[in-house]
C-alpha atoms as a PDB file:
ATOM      1  CA  MET A   1     -60.237  78.714 -45.619  1.00  0.00           C
ATOM      2  CA  VAL A   2     -60.467  81.400 -48.395  1.00  0.00           C
ATOM      3  CA  THR A   3     -58.393  82.908 -51.149  1.00  0.00           C
ATOM      4  CA  PHE A   4     -59.091  85.390 -53.185  1.00  0.00           C
ATOM      5  CA  SER A   5     -56.389  87.591 -55.650  1.00  0.00           C
ATOM      6  CA  CYS A   6     -55.725  91.375 -57.314  1.00  0.00           C
ATOM      7  CA  HIS A   7     -57.186  91.541 -60.535  1.00  0.00           C
ATOM      8  CA  GLN A   8     -55.116  89.684 -63.216  1.00  0.00           C
ATOM      9  CA  ARG A   9     -52.782  88.964 -60.008  1.00  0.00           C
ATOM     10  CA  LYS A  10     -50.732  92.104 -60.228  1.00  0.00           C
ATOM     11  CA  PRO A  11     -48.853  92.997 -57.305  1.00  0.00           C
ATOM     12  CA  HIS A  12     -51.513  95.457 -55.704  1.00  0.00           C
ATOM     13  CA  LEU A  13     -51.207  94.683 -51.868  1.00  0.00           C
ATOM     14  CA  ALA A  14     -47.270  94.868 -52.198  1.00  0.00           C
ATOM     15  CA  SER A  15     -46.918  98.467 -50.159  1.00  0.00           C
ATOM     16  CA  PRO A  16     -47.414  98.583 -46.660  1.00  0.00           C
ATOM     17  CA  ALA A  17     -49.967 101.066 -46.815  1.00  0.00           C
ATOM     18  CA  THR A  18     -51.879  98.762 -48.590  1.00  0.00           C
ATOM     19  CA  CYS A  19     -51.618  96.236 -46.351  1.00  0.00           C
ATOM     20  CA  GLU A  20     -52.137  97.981 -43.408  1.00  0.00           C
ATOM     21  CA  ILE A  21     -55.812  99.275 -45.547  1.00  0.00           C
ATOM     22  CA  PHE A  22     -56.324  95.747 -45.844  1.00  0.00           C
ATOM     23  CA  GLU A  23     -55.788  94.577 -41.904  1.00  0.00           C
ATOM     24  CA  HIS A  24     -58.335  97.388 -40.948  1.00  0.00           C
ATOM     25  CA  SER A  25     -60.691  96.989 -43.062  1.00  0.00           C
ATOM     26  CA  LEU A  26     -60.334  92.955 -42.138  1.00  0.00           C
ATOM     27  CA  GLU A  27     -61.112  93.769 -38.459  1.00  0.00           C
ATOM     28  CA  ARG A  28     -64.140  95.849 -39.222  1.00  0.00           C
ATOM     29  CA  MET A  29     -65.578  93.330 -41.146  1.00  0.00           C
ATOM     30  CA  ARG A  30     -64.486  90.614 -38.497  1.00  0.00           C
ATOM     31  CA  GLN A  31     -66.303  92.811 -36.332  1.00  0.00           C
ATOM     32  CA  LYS A  32     -69.476  93.902 -38.452  1.00  0.00           C
ATOM     33  CA  TYR A  33     -70.209  90.475 -39.815  1.00  0.00           C
ATOM     34  CA  ASP A  34     -69.250  88.375 -36.327  1.00  0.00           C
ATOM     35  CA  PHE A  35     -66.579  86.011 -37.379  1.00  0.00           C
ATOM     36  CA  TYR A  36     -63.391  84.542 -36.365  1.00  0.00           C
ATOM     37  CA  ILE A  37     -60.162  84.956 -37.998  1.00  0.00           C
ATOM     38  CA  ASN A  38     -57.981  81.709 -36.898  1.00  0.00           C
ATOM     39  CA  ALA A  39     -55.035  82.748 -39.775  1.00  0.00           C
ATOM     40  CA  TYR A  40     -54.236  84.913 -42.226  1.00  0.00           C
ATOM     41  CA  VAL A  41     -51.756  85.836 -44.853  1.00  0.00           C
ATOM     42  CA  ILE A  42     -51.265  89.542 -47.053  1.00  0.00           C
ATOM     43  CA  MET A  43     -49.356  88.549 -50.280  1.00  0.00           C
ATOM     44  CA  PRO A  44     -48.542  90.926 -52.716  1.00  0.00           C
ATOM     45  CA  GLU A  45     -51.132  89.606 -55.230  1.00  0.00           C
ATOM     46  CA  HIS A  46     -53.069  87.379 -53.288  1.00  0.00           C
ATOM     47  CA  VAL A  47     -54.503  86.752 -49.609  1.00  0.00           C
ATOM     48  CA  HIS A  48     -55.423  83.582 -47.614  1.00  0.00           C
ATOM     49  CA  LEU A  49     -58.281  83.756 -44.534  1.00  0.00           C
ATOM     50  CA  LEU A  50     -58.530  80.736 -42.404  1.00  0.00           C
ATOM     51  CA  LEU A  51     -61.719  81.958 -41.110  1.00  0.00           C
ATOM     52  CA  SER A  52     -65.265  81.012 -39.313  1.00  0.00           C
ATOM     53  CA  GLU A  53     -68.831  81.376 -41.128  1.00  0.00           C
ATOM     54  CA  PRO A  54     -70.103  84.803 -40.160  1.00  0.00           C
ATOM     55  CA  LYS A  55     -72.639  85.080 -37.625  1.00  0.00           C
ATOM     56  CA  LYS A  56     -74.006  88.132 -39.116  1.00  0.00           C
ATOM     57  CA  ALA A  57     -74.231  87.276 -42.906  1.00  0.00           C
ATOM     58  CA  ILE A  58     -73.773  84.768 -45.394  1.00  0.00           C
ATOM     59  CA  LEU A  59     -69.381  84.134 -46.219  1.00  0.00           C
ATOM     60  CA  ALA A  60     -69.929  85.824 -49.585  1.00  0.00           C
ATOM     61  CA  LYS A  61     -71.889  89.101 -48.103  1.00  0.00           C
ATOM     62  CA  ALA A  62     -68.928  89.630 -45.666  1.00  0.00           C
ATOM     63  CA  ILE A  63     -65.939  88.598 -48.270  1.00  0.00           C
ATOM     64  CA  GLN A  64     -67.405  90.936 -50.740  1.00  0.00           C
ATOM     65  CA  ALA A  65     -67.836  94.115 -47.757  1.00  0.00           C
ATOM     66  CA  LEU A  66     -64.118  93.512 -47.135  1.00  0.00           C
ATOM     67  CA  LYS A  67     -63.084  93.486 -50.776  1.00  0.00           C
ATOM     68  CA  ILE A  68     -64.993  96.963 -51.260  1.00  0.00           C
ATOM     69  CA  SER A  69     -63.818  98.701 -48.234  1.00  0.00           C
ATOM     70  CA  VAL A  70     -60.484  97.984 -49.323  1.00  0.00           C
ATOM     71  CA  SER A  71     -60.936  98.644 -53.185  1.00  0.00           C
ATOM     72  CA  LEU A  72     -62.242 102.330 -51.617  1.00  0.00           C
ATOM     73  CA  GLN A  73     -59.479 103.460 -49.640  1.00  0.00           C
ATOM     74  CA  GLN A  74     -56.762 102.731 -52.362  1.00  0.00           C
ATOM     75  CA  PRO A  75     -55.980 103.682 -56.623  1.00  0.00           C
ATOM     76  CA  HIS A  76     -55.972 100.560 -58.386  1.00  0.00           C
ATOM     77  CA  ARG A  77     -58.656 100.304 -60.760  1.00  0.00           C
ATOM     78  CA  PRO A  78     -59.628  97.332 -60.622  1.00  0.00           C
ATOM     79  CA  LEU A  79     -58.441  95.950 -57.543  1.00  0.00           C
ATOM     80  CA  TRP A  80     -59.381  92.423 -57.029  1.00  0.00           C
ATOM     81  CA  GLN A  81     -60.379  89.206 -59.347  1.00  0.00           C
ATOM     82  CA  HIS A  82     -64.557  89.002 -59.075  1.00  0.00           C
ATOM     83  CA  ARG A  83     -64.754  85.610 -57.315  1.00  0.00           C
ATOM     84  CA  TYR A  84     -63.115  84.293 -54.214  1.00  0.00           C
ATOM     85  CA  TYR A  85     -61.862  80.555 -53.526  1.00  0.00           C
ATOM     86  CA  ASP A  86     -63.033  78.629 -50.519  1.00  0.00           C
ATOM     87  CA  PHE A  87     -62.047  75.360 -48.778  1.00  0.00           C
ATOM     88  CA  ASN A  88     -63.905  73.870 -45.798  1.00  0.00           C
ATOM     89  CA  VAL A  89     -61.809  72.899 -43.211  1.00  0.00           C
ATOM     90  CA  TYR A  90     -63.853  70.172 -40.891  1.00  0.00           C
ATOM     91  CA  SER A  91     -60.575  67.979 -38.948  1.00  0.00           C
ATOM     92  CA  HIS A  92     -58.023  69.729 -36.817  1.00  0.00           C
ATOM     93  CA  GLN A  93     -55.613  67.989 -39.293  1.00  0.00           C
ATOM     94  CA  LYS A  94     -56.768  70.401 -41.760  1.00  0.00           C
ATOM     95  CA  PHE A  95     -56.741  72.652 -39.667  1.00  0.00           C
ATOM     96  CA  GLN A  96     -53.173  72.849 -38.259  1.00  0.00           C
ATOM     97  CA  GLU A  97     -52.261  72.032 -42.578  1.00  0.00           C
ATOM     98  CA  LYS A  98     -54.201  75.283 -43.761  1.00  0.00           C
ATOM     99  CA  LEU A  99     -52.472  77.144 -40.975  1.00  0.00           C
ATOM    100  CA  LYS A 100     -49.065  76.090 -41.534  1.00  0.00           C
ATOM    101  CA  TYR A 101     -49.759  76.755 -45.317  1.00  0.00           C
ATOM    102  CA  ILE A 102     -50.816  80.273 -44.474  1.00  0.00           C
ATOM    103  CA  HIS A 103     -48.105  81.112 -42.173  1.00  0.00           C
ATOM    104  CA  ARG A 104     -45.076  79.310 -44.956  1.00  0.00           C
ATOM    105  CA  ASN A 105     -46.763  80.834 -47.765  1.00  0.00           C
ATOM    106  CA  PRO A 106     -44.180  84.135 -47.966  1.00  0.00           C
ATOM    107  CA  VAL A 107     -41.123  81.712 -47.041  1.00  0.00           C
ATOM    108  CA  THR A 108     -42.638  78.927 -49.985  1.00  0.00           C
ATOM    109  CA  ARG A 109     -42.609  82.381 -52.401  1.00  0.00           C
ATOM    110  CA  GLY A 110     -39.091  83.428 -51.612  1.00  0.00           C
ATOM    111  CA  LEU A 111     -40.324  86.408 -49.871  1.00  0.00           C
ATOM    112  CA  VAL A 112     -38.697  86.098 -46.823  1.00  0.00           C
ATOM    113  CA  ALA A 113     -36.332  83.581 -45.156  1.00  0.00           C
ATOM    114  CA  LYS A 114     -39.112  82.654 -41.666  1.00  0.00           C
ATOM    115  CA  PRO A 115     -42.767  83.006 -41.014  1.00  0.00           C
ATOM    116  CA  GLU A 116     -41.662  85.715 -38.646  1.00  0.00           C
ATOM    117  CA  ASP A 117     -40.009  88.629 -41.001  1.00  0.00           C
ATOM    118  CA  TRP A 118     -42.874  88.676 -43.117  1.00  0.00           C
ATOM    119  CA  PRO A 119     -45.263  91.225 -41.428  1.00  0.00           C
ATOM    120  CA  TRP A 120     -48.854  91.134 -42.990  1.00  0.00           C
ATOM    121  CA  SER A 121     -49.555  87.615 -41.230  1.00  0.00           C
ATOM    122  CA  SER A 122     -51.005  86.445 -38.217  1.00  0.00           C
ATOM    123  CA  PHE A 123     -47.514  84.395 -38.036  1.00  0.00           C
ATOM    124  CA  LEU A 124     -46.077  86.732 -35.083  1.00  0.00           C
ATOM    125  CA  HIS A 125     -49.456  86.780 -32.915  1.00  0.00           C
ATOM    126  CA  TYR A 126     -48.857  82.643 -32.646  1.00  0.00           C
ATOM    127  CA  ALA A 127     -45.546  82.864 -32.214  1.00  0.00           C
ATOM    128  CA  THR A 128     -45.324  85.730 -29.163  1.00  0.00           C
ATOM    129  CA  GLY A 129     -49.277  86.910 -28.695  1.00  0.00           C
ATOM    130  CA  ALA A 130     -48.274  90.077 -29.950  1.00  0.00           C
ATOM    131  CA  ARG A 131     -51.812  92.149 -30.855  1.00  0.00           C
ATOM    132  CA  ARG A 132     -51.931  93.307 -34.511  1.00  0.00           C
ATOM    133  CA  PRO A 133     -54.610  94.960 -36.473  1.00  0.00           C
ATOM    134  CA  VAL A 134     -56.992  92.285 -36.569  1.00  0.00           C
ATOM    135  CA  GLU A 135     -57.581  90.187 -33.767  1.00  0.00           C
ATOM    136  CA  VAL A 136     -56.467  86.262 -34.364  1.00  0.00           C
ATOM    137  CA  GLU A 137     -58.901  83.807 -32.402  1.00  0.00           C
ATOM    138  CA  SER A 138     -55.630  82.089 -30.701  1.00  0.00           C
ATOM    139  CA  SER A 139     -54.811  80.606 -27.172  1.00  0.00           C
ATOM    140  CA  TRP A 140     -53.454  83.764 -26.346  1.00  0.00           C
ATOM    141  CA  VAL A 141     -57.054  85.505 -26.824  1.00  0.00           C
ATOM    142  CA  ALA A 142     -58.644  82.907 -25.588  1.00  0.00           C
ATOM    143  CA  ASN A 143     -56.591  83.098 -21.923  1.00  0.00           C
ATOM    144  CA  ALA A 144     -57.271  86.840 -22.004  1.00  0.00           C
ATOM    145  CA  ARG A 145     -60.713  86.386 -22.107  1.00  0.00           C
ATOM    146  CA  GLU A 146     -60.414  83.577 -19.254  1.00  0.00           C
ATOM    147  CA  ARG A 147     -58.390  86.194 -17.275  1.00  0.00           C
ATOM    148  CA  ALA A 148     -60.812  89.503 -18.258  1.00  0.00           C
ATOM    149  CA  LYS A 149     -63.993  86.812 -17.400  1.00  0.00           C
ATOM    150  CA  ALA A 150     -61.999  85.514 -13.785  1.00  0.00           C
ATOM    151  CA  ASN A 151     -61.538  89.052 -12.604  1.00  0.00           C
ATOM    152  CA  THR A 152     -63.897  91.290 -14.116  1.00  0.00           C
ATOM    153  CA  ASN A 153     -62.156  94.673 -13.113  1.00  0.00           C
ATOM    154  CA  THR A 154     -59.493  93.729 -15.537  1.00  0.00           C
ATOM    155  CA  PRO A 155     -61.327  94.172 -18.741  1.00  0.00           C
ATOM    156  CA  ILE A 156     -59.538  93.406 -21.899  1.00  0.00           C
ATOM    157  CA  GLU A 157     -57.809  95.854 -23.802  1.00  0.00           C
ATOM    158  CA  PRO A 158     -59.865  97.769 -26.581  1.00  0.00           C
ATOM    159  CA  ARG A 159     -58.489  97.746 -30.092  1.00  0.00           C
END
């Protein structure tokens, strides 16, 4: 799990436009550096990502590229604190704990009453399979891959 914050913990990610920029940048970096996103939440002043190690670079490079990509597309200067915090998840129990933490973060902070009310997270994908700008590695995606393999005439819809 990776967490990084806005400069001086200011709510630079509070606008829908900035959250959309972040989601699109995250998806581009996911594709470019070839890693899985298992869960995410964009909070007004920080971000949590539950992700795999990138296949095409070290994690620090992928996070740096993501932060630069978002920074270049919005007016706040500086946007990010210099570093990020990571926590290695080695067990299924810890994975479930972090997944729940990420999805409940907006509720815990009092921003919404239920996780499904926060539009800037992977919760709705987990709950319904709804497609978002960020491809989240889940049973919905795994099942779609299996169906596509079984029937090569039915490709998965491109993003």
